[in-house]
Amino acid sequence: LAECGVQRVLYGLKEIKAALTAPGGTLETAFISFPEVARQVIPLVRGLAPSARIIYDMVDFHARRFAREASLHNDDPALHERAEAMRRLEFANIAAADVTVAISEEERHAVLEGVPDALVTVLPNVFRIPQGTLLGPAGRDGLLFVGGFRHQPNIDAVLWFTSEIWPTIRIEVPDACFRVVGSDMPEEILSLGRIPGIEILGYVADLRPLYDRSRLSVAPLRYGAGMKGKVGQSLVYGLPAVATPIGAEGMPLHNGEELLIADTCTDFAEAVLRLMRDDELWLQLQTNGRKAVQHAFSSEIVEKRLETLLRG
């Protein structure tokens, strides 16, 4: 970080306040991410550095994710209440900031419906394009899921996939393998390793070998918001994916062109089996998927957007 020009790293509100009140300091721009962080830091910056320009990074539309979770669980009143509380918090942050950053055009429009006077720009996920020749389908095997398991939608996705979709795939392909990668796995995920064909790998520092050996990746997300890094990363590494509509949202991806999109258990299983067997389709998705992510979300493209945002 120091080599990149970072001069100080502050931990907690006490250190932030001390930095803002230090003699000779002039804060020009505050880039603040996540709703709960913004709730505490925006008032601090407004009070101690009133001339500073505040950019609020939503990361994703948390209230939308919570509302989708509530709908998935029979419109649980407690989950709906949590979603409404988050909506109020996010909209308050947006109203208090000078500029708000959404992760996709779709979420930008959703924000403007709630806060019409807000200044909202789009700054998507960025994907570093790996170097080297992409490997073809020959010699590959297995399905891959990558995700951090502190994030509840990833837990739900893996549990839904293994209980509702995986049995169908194993009947059709008895030696099929499903590899699950990610940090902070709870016991309910770790215990899936007892199911035939499922490998629970935990945290993996270098994912490249897994992307190079797997036949496809899956993103069976039933709720969420924002843009799914697991899908974009899979595509830039040349690994075709099957995703739900939630898994594919936020990116210019189309069913049958850059990836396969399926909503129901039956359709998802059929899409996986099709991609396991069809090399011509596999190569088409590999080429188109990587191009789509590279053209819209490479570091060179997003760098220009970020530079424009910070210059105001």
Protein backbone atom coordinates (compact mmCIF):
# COMPACT_ATOMS: atom_id res chain seq x y z
CA LEU A 1 0.00 0.00 0.00
CA ALA A 2 2.84 2.38 0.76
CA GLU A 3 4.26 1.77 -2.73
CA CYS A 4 0.88 2.82 -4.14
CA GLY A 5 1.03 6.10 -2.23
CA VAL A 6 -1.03 5.21 0.84
CA GLN A 7 0.31 7.32 3.71
CA ARG A 8 -1.80 6.16 6.65
CA VAL A 9 -4.14 3.31 7.54
CA LEU A 10 -6.69 4.20 10.22
CA TYR A 11 -8.64 1.76 12.37
CA GLY A 12 -11.92 2.81 13.94
CA LEU A 13 -13.72 6.08 14.53
CA LYS A 14 -11.26 7.29 17.15
CA GLU A 15 -8.32 7.21 14.72
CA ILE A 16 -10.43 8.73 11.92
CA LYS A 17 -11.49 11.59 14.19
CA ALA A 18 -7.89 12.19 15.26
CA ALA A 19 -6.77 12.35 11.62
CA LEU A 20 -9.54 14.76 10.70
CA THR A 21 -8.65 17.11 13.57
CA ALA A 22 -4.86 16.92 13.16
CA PRO A 23 -3.16 20.30 12.50
CA GLY A 24 -2.45 21.03 8.88
CA GLY A 25 -4.74 18.34 7.51
CA THR A 26 -7.15 19.13 4.69
CA LEU A 27 -9.54 16.45 3.51
CA GLU A 28 -10.70 16.94 -0.06
CA THR A 29 -12.61 13.70 -0.71
CA ALA A 30 -13.95 10.93 1.51
CA PHE A 31 -14.78 7.66 -0.25
CA ILE A 32 -16.94 5.70 2.21
CA SER A 33 -18.16 2.15 1.65
CA PHE A 34 -20.94 0.04 3.22
CA PRO A 35 -24.15 1.32 4.86
CA GLU A 36 -23.25 0.88 8.55
CA VAL A 37 -19.81 2.41 8.05
CA ALA A 38 -21.31 5.36 6.20
CA ARG A 39 -23.90 5.88 8.94
CA GLN A 40 -21.09 6.59 11.40
CA VAL A 41 -18.46 8.21 9.21
CA ILE A 42 -20.52 10.60 7.06
CA PRO A 43 -21.62 12.75 10.05
CA LEU A 44 -18.04 12.74 11.35
CA VAL A 45 -16.67 14.01 8.04
CA ARG A 46 -19.46 16.58 7.65
CA GLY A 47 -18.75 17.95 11.13
CA LEU A 48 -14.94 17.98 11.04
CA ALA A 49 -14.26 18.53 7.32
CA PRO A 50 -17.32 20.36 6.01
CA SER A 51 -15.71 21.26 2.69
CA ALA A 52 -14.85 17.64 1.85
CA ARG A 53 -16.65 15.91 -0.99
CA ILE A 54 -18.30 12.70 0.23
CA ILE A 55 -18.62 9.73 -2.11
CA TYR A 56 -20.80 6.93 -0.75
CA ASP A 57 -20.12 3.48 -2.19
CA MET A 58 -23.16 1.25 -1.68
CA VAL A 59 -21.18 -1.90 -2.62
CA ASP A 60 -24.53 -3.45 -3.47
CA PHE A 61 -28.15 -2.61 -2.77
CA HIS A 62 -28.38 -4.29 0.62
CA ALA A 63 -32.06 -3.55 1.17
CA ARG A 64 -32.90 -5.25 -2.11
CA ARG A 65 -30.93 -8.32 -1.06
CA PHE A 66 -32.70 -8.45 2.29
CA ALA A 67 -36.12 -8.06 0.66
CA ARG A 68 -35.40 -10.90 -1.73
CA GLU A 69 -34.35 -13.10 1.17
CA ALA A 70 -37.61 -12.29 2.96
CA SER A 71 -39.66 -13.20 -0.11
CA LEU A 72 -37.77 -16.48 -0.41
CA HIS A 73 -38.69 -17.36 3.18
CA ASN A 74 -42.46 -16.99 2.85
CA ASP A 75 -42.36 -13.24 3.35
CA ASP A 76 -40.98 -13.55 6.87
CA PRO A 77 -42.11 -10.34 8.69
CA ALA A 78 -38.84 -10.06 10.63
CA LEU A 79 -36.80 -10.25 7.41
CA HIS A 80 -39.05 -7.68 5.74
CA GLU A 81 -38.60 -5.40 8.75
CA ARG A 82 -34.83 -5.77 8.45
CA ALA A 83 -35.04 -4.95 4.73
CA GLU A 84 -37.10 -1.83 5.42
CA ALA A 85 -34.67 -0.66 8.11
CA MET A 86 -31.79 -1.12 5.67
CA ARG A 87 -33.69 0.73 2.94
CA ARG A 88 -34.12 3.73 5.26
CA LEU A 89 -30.45 3.64 6.22
CA GLU A 90 -29.21 3.36 2.64
CA PHE A 91 -31.47 6.15 1.41
CA ALA A 92 -30.37 8.38 4.32
CA ASN A 93 -26.72 7.79 3.40
CA ILE A 94 -27.47 8.56 -0.25
CA ALA A 95 -29.24 11.79 0.67
CA ALA A 96 -26.34 12.84 2.91
CA ALA A 97 -23.57 12.12 0.39
CA ASP A 98 -22.49 14.34 -2.48
CA VAL A 99 -22.20 11.40 -4.87
CA THR A 100 -23.41 7.82 -4.55
CA VAL A 101 -21.75 4.89 -6.29
CA ALA A 102 -23.95 2.03 -7.49
CA ILE A 103 -22.52 -1.15 -8.95
CA SER A 104 -24.80 -1.42 -12.00
CA GLU A 105 -27.15 0.71 -14.10
CA GLU A 106 -30.08 -1.33 -12.84
CA GLU A 107 -29.28 -0.52 -9.21
CA ARG A 108 -28.63 3.12 -10.12
CA HIS A 109 -32.17 3.41 -11.47
CA ALA A 110 -33.56 1.65 -8.40
CA VAL A 111 -31.77 4.14 -6.14
CA LEU A 112 -33.12 7.11 -8.09
CA GLU A 113 -36.64 5.82 -7.66
CA GLY A 114 -36.19 6.19 -3.91
CA VAL A 115 -34.01 9.33 -3.86
CA PRO A 116 -34.79 11.20 -7.11
CA ASP A 117 -32.53 14.17 -6.35
CA ALA A 118 -29.43 12.07 -5.68
CA LEU A 119 -26.35 12.17 -7.86
CA VAL A 120 -25.67 8.51 -8.61
CA THR A 121 -22.90 7.09 -10.79
CA VAL A 122 -21.95 3.53 -11.66
CA LEU A 123 -18.64 1.95 -10.71
CA PRO A 124 -18.73 -1.80 -11.37
CA ASN A 125 -16.55 -4.60 -10.10
CA VAL A 126 -13.13 -4.76 -11.71
CA PHE A 127 -11.59 -7.98 -13.01
CA ARG A 128 -7.92 -8.44 -13.71
CA ILE A 129 -7.55 -10.31 -17.00
CA PRO A 130 -5.18 -13.27 -16.52
CA GLN A 131 -2.36 -13.75 -19.00
CA GLY A 132 -1.71 -16.89 -20.99
CA THR A 133 -3.55 -19.14 -23.40
CA LEU A 134 -6.98 -20.36 -22.40
CA LEU A 135 -7.28 -24.12 -22.06
CA GLY A 136 -10.03 -25.96 -23.95
CA PRO A 137 -12.58 -28.44 -22.59
CA ALA A 138 -10.40 -31.54 -23.02
CA GLY A 139 -9.33 -33.21 -19.80
CA ARG A 140 -11.47 -31.06 -17.54
CA ASP A 141 -13.83 -32.42 -14.92
CA GLY A 142 -16.10 -31.26 -12.16
CA LEU A 143 -18.21 -28.29 -11.16
CA LEU A 144 -16.81 -25.38 -9.15
CA PHE A 145 -18.41 -22.97 -6.67
CA VAL A 146 -16.39 -20.09 -5.22
CA GLY A 147 -17.67 -17.79 -2.50
CA GLY A 148 -17.06 -16.38 0.97
CA PHE A 149 -19.33 -18.02 3.52
CA ARG A 150 -19.78 -15.08 5.81
CA HIS A 151 -22.16 -14.01 3.06
CA GLN A 152 -25.47 -15.77 3.73
CA PRO A 153 -26.59 -15.97 0.06
CA ASN A 154 -23.58 -18.22 -0.66
CA ILE A 155 -24.58 -20.63 2.10
CA ASP A 156 -28.14 -20.76 0.78
CA ALA A 157 -26.90 -21.25 -2.79
CA VAL A 158 -24.71 -24.25 -1.97
CA LEU A 159 -27.35 -25.87 0.24
CA TRP A 160 -30.02 -25.43 -2.44
CA PHE A 161 -27.76 -26.75 -5.16
CA THR A 162 -26.63 -29.82 -3.24
CA SER A 163 -30.11 -30.77 -2.05
CA GLU A 164 -32.24 -29.94 -5.08
CA ILE A 165 -29.95 -30.07 -8.14
CA TRP A 166 -26.91 -32.21 -7.41
CA PRO A 167 -28.83 -35.53 -7.08
CA THR A 168 -30.17 -35.16 -10.64
CA ILE A 169 -26.69 -34.48 -11.98
CA ARG A 170 -25.22 -37.51 -10.18
CA ILE A 171 -27.91 -39.79 -11.61
CA GLU A 172 -26.97 -38.69 -15.13
CA VAL A 173 -23.21 -38.51 -14.48
CA PRO A 174 -22.38 -40.87 -11.58
CA ASP A 175 -18.73 -39.81 -11.37
CA ALA A 176 -19.48 -36.06 -11.39
CA CYS A 177 -17.60 -33.95 -8.84
CA PHE A 178 -18.68 -30.71 -7.16
CA ARG A 179 -15.90 -28.64 -5.55
CA VAL A 180 -16.80 -25.94 -3.04
CA VAL A 181 -14.22 -23.25 -2.32
CA GLY A 182 -14.37 -20.39 0.14
CA SER A 183 -13.40 -19.08 3.56
CA ASP A 184 -15.37 -19.12 6.82
CA MET A 185 -17.36 -22.25 6.06
CA PRO A 186 -19.99 -23.10 8.70
CA GLU A 187 -20.59 -26.67 9.79
CA GLU A 188 -23.61 -27.03 7.52
CA ILE A 189 -21.32 -26.50 4.52
CA LEU A 190 -18.42 -28.56 5.86
CA SER A 191 -20.76 -31.50 6.47
CA LEU A 192 -21.64 -31.64 2.76
CA GLY A 193 -18.30 -33.35 2.20
CA ARG A 194 -19.96 -36.58 3.32
CA ILE A 195 -22.17 -36.55 0.21
CA PRO A 196 -20.73 -38.64 -2.66
CA GLY A 197 -18.97 -36.52 -5.25
CA ILE A 198 -18.79 -33.33 -3.18
CA GLU A 199 -15.38 -31.94 -2.23
CA ILE A 200 -15.22 -29.20 0.41
CA LEU A 201 -11.91 -27.42 -0.15
CA GLY A 202 -12.23 -24.37 2.10
CA TYR A 203 -10.02 -21.38 1.43
CA VAL A 204 -7.75 -21.70 -1.63
CA ALA A 205 -5.06 -19.05 -2.12
CA ASP A 206 -4.56 -19.58 -5.85
CA LEU A 207 -7.71 -20.37 -7.81
CA ARG A 208 -6.06 -20.57 -11.24
CA PRO A 209 -5.44 -24.37 -11.12
CA LEU A 210 -9.09 -24.97 -10.21
CA TYR A 211 -10.34 -22.75 -13.02
CA ASP A 212 -8.04 -24.58 -15.43
CA ARG A 213 -9.15 -28.09 -14.43
CA SER A 214 -12.91 -27.63 -13.83
CA ARG A 215 -15.48 -28.20 -16.54
CA LEU A 216 -17.75 -25.35 -15.43
CA SER A 217 -18.63 -23.12 -12.51
CA VAL A 218 -22.05 -22.66 -10.93
CA ALA A 219 -23.67 -19.64 -9.28
CA PRO A 220 -26.99 -21.00 -7.95
CA LEU A 221 -27.86 -17.85 -6.00
CA ARG A 222 -31.51 -17.51 -5.01
CA TYR A 223 -31.18 -14.01 -3.58
CA GLY A 224 -28.64 -11.24 -3.52
CA ALA A 225 -27.92 -7.90 -5.16
CA GLY A 226 -25.14 -6.07 -6.95
CA MET A 227 -22.70 -7.86 -9.22
CA LYS A 228 -21.43 -11.36 -8.59
CA GLY A 229 -17.65 -11.48 -8.61
CA LYS A 230 -17.67 -15.27 -8.73
CA VAL A 231 -19.30 -15.19 -12.17
CA GLY A 232 -17.08 -12.49 -13.65
CA GLN A 233 -13.92 -14.10 -12.33
CA SER A 234 -14.89 -17.50 -13.72
CA LEU A 235 -15.51 -16.02 -17.15
CA VAL A 236 -12.24 -14.07 -17.35
CA TYR A 237 -10.38 -17.28 -16.50
CA GLY A 238 -12.12 -18.97 -19.40
CA LEU A 239 -14.40 -21.20 -17.35
CA PRO A 240 -18.02 -21.20 -18.60
CA ALA A 241 -20.72 -20.80 -15.98
CA VAL A 242 -24.30 -21.70 -15.19
CA ALA A 243 -26.09 -19.11 -13.06
CA THR A 244 -29.51 -18.16 -11.84
CA PRO A 245 -30.90 -14.78 -12.96
CA ILE A 246 -29.77 -13.38 -9.59
CA GLY A 247 -26.29 -14.79 -10.18
CA ALA A 248 -26.03 -13.21 -13.62
CA GLU A 249 -27.48 -9.78 -12.84
CA GLY A 250 -25.49 -6.59 -13.00
CA MET A 251 -23.46 -7.64 -16.03
CA PRO A 252 -24.18 -7.59 -19.80
CA LEU A 253 -24.58 -11.37 -19.98
CA HIS A 254 -27.20 -13.25 -21.97
CA ASN A 255 -28.44 -16.80 -21.71
CA GLY A 256 -26.83 -19.01 -24.33
CA GLU A 257 -24.34 -16.36 -25.43
CA GLU A 258 -21.89 -15.67 -22.57
CA LEU A 259 -23.21 -18.18 -20.02
CA LEU A 260 -26.26 -20.32 -19.30
CA ILE A 261 -29.00 -18.91 -17.08
CA ALA A 262 -31.56 -21.13 -15.34
CA ASP A 263 -34.02 -20.41 -12.55
CA THR A 264 -35.67 -23.69 -11.54
CA CYS A 265 -34.00 -26.81 -10.17
CA THR A 266 -34.86 -28.80 -13.28
CA ASP A 267 -33.65 -26.15 -15.71
CA PHE A 268 -30.45 -25.60 -13.75
CA ALA A 269 -29.61 -29.31 -13.74
CA GLU A 270 -30.34 -29.53 -17.46
CA ALA A 271 -28.09 -26.53 -18.18
CA VAL A 272 -25.23 -28.06 -16.18
CA LEU A 273 -25.56 -31.40 -17.96
CA ARG A 274 -25.73 -29.71 -21.34
CA LEU A 275 -22.52 -27.78 -20.67
CA MET A 276 -20.79 -30.91 -19.40
CA ARG A 277 -21.50 -32.69 -22.69
CA ASP A 278 -21.43 -30.05 -25.42
CA ASP A 279 -17.89 -28.97 -26.32
CA GLU A 280 -19.03 -26.64 -29.10
CA LEU A 281 -21.30 -24.72 -26.74
CA TRP A 282 -18.56 -24.75 -24.10
CA LEU A 283 -16.06 -23.09 -26.45
CA GLN A 284 -18.62 -20.50 -27.57
CA LEU A 285 -19.38 -19.51 -23.99
CA GLN A 286 -15.70 -19.42 -23.08
CA THR A 287 -14.92 -16.98 -25.90
CA ASN A 288 -17.98 -14.77 -25.49
CA GLY A 289 -17.94 -14.76 -21.71
CA ARG A 290 -14.38 -13.59 -21.41
CA LYS A 291 -14.84 -10.91 -24.06
CA ALA A 292 -17.95 -9.54 -22.33
CA VAL A 293 -16.22 -9.14 -18.97
CA GLN A 294 -13.00 -7.82 -20.50
CA HIS A 295 -14.81 -5.17 -22.55
CA ALA A 296 -16.91 -3.88 -19.65
CA PHE A 297 -15.03 -4.59 -16.43
CA SER A 298 -11.29 -4.84 -17.06
CA SER A 299 -9.00 -2.76 -14.83
CA GLU A 300 -8.28 -0.40 -17.75
CA ILE A 301 -11.98 0.32 -18.31
CA VAL A 302 -12.92 0.76 -14.64
CA GLU A 303 -9.81 2.84 -13.94
CA LYS A 304 -11.10 5.52 -16.30
CA ARG A 305 -14.46 5.58 -14.53
CA LEU A 306 -12.82 5.83 -11.13
CA GLU A 307 -10.52 8.62 -12.27
CA THR A 308 -13.50 10.60 -13.57
CA LEU A 309 -15.37 10.04 -10.30
CA LEU A 310 -12.52 11.18 -8.07
CA ARG A 311 -11.81 14.25 -10.17
CA GLY A 312 -15.44 15.29 -9.74
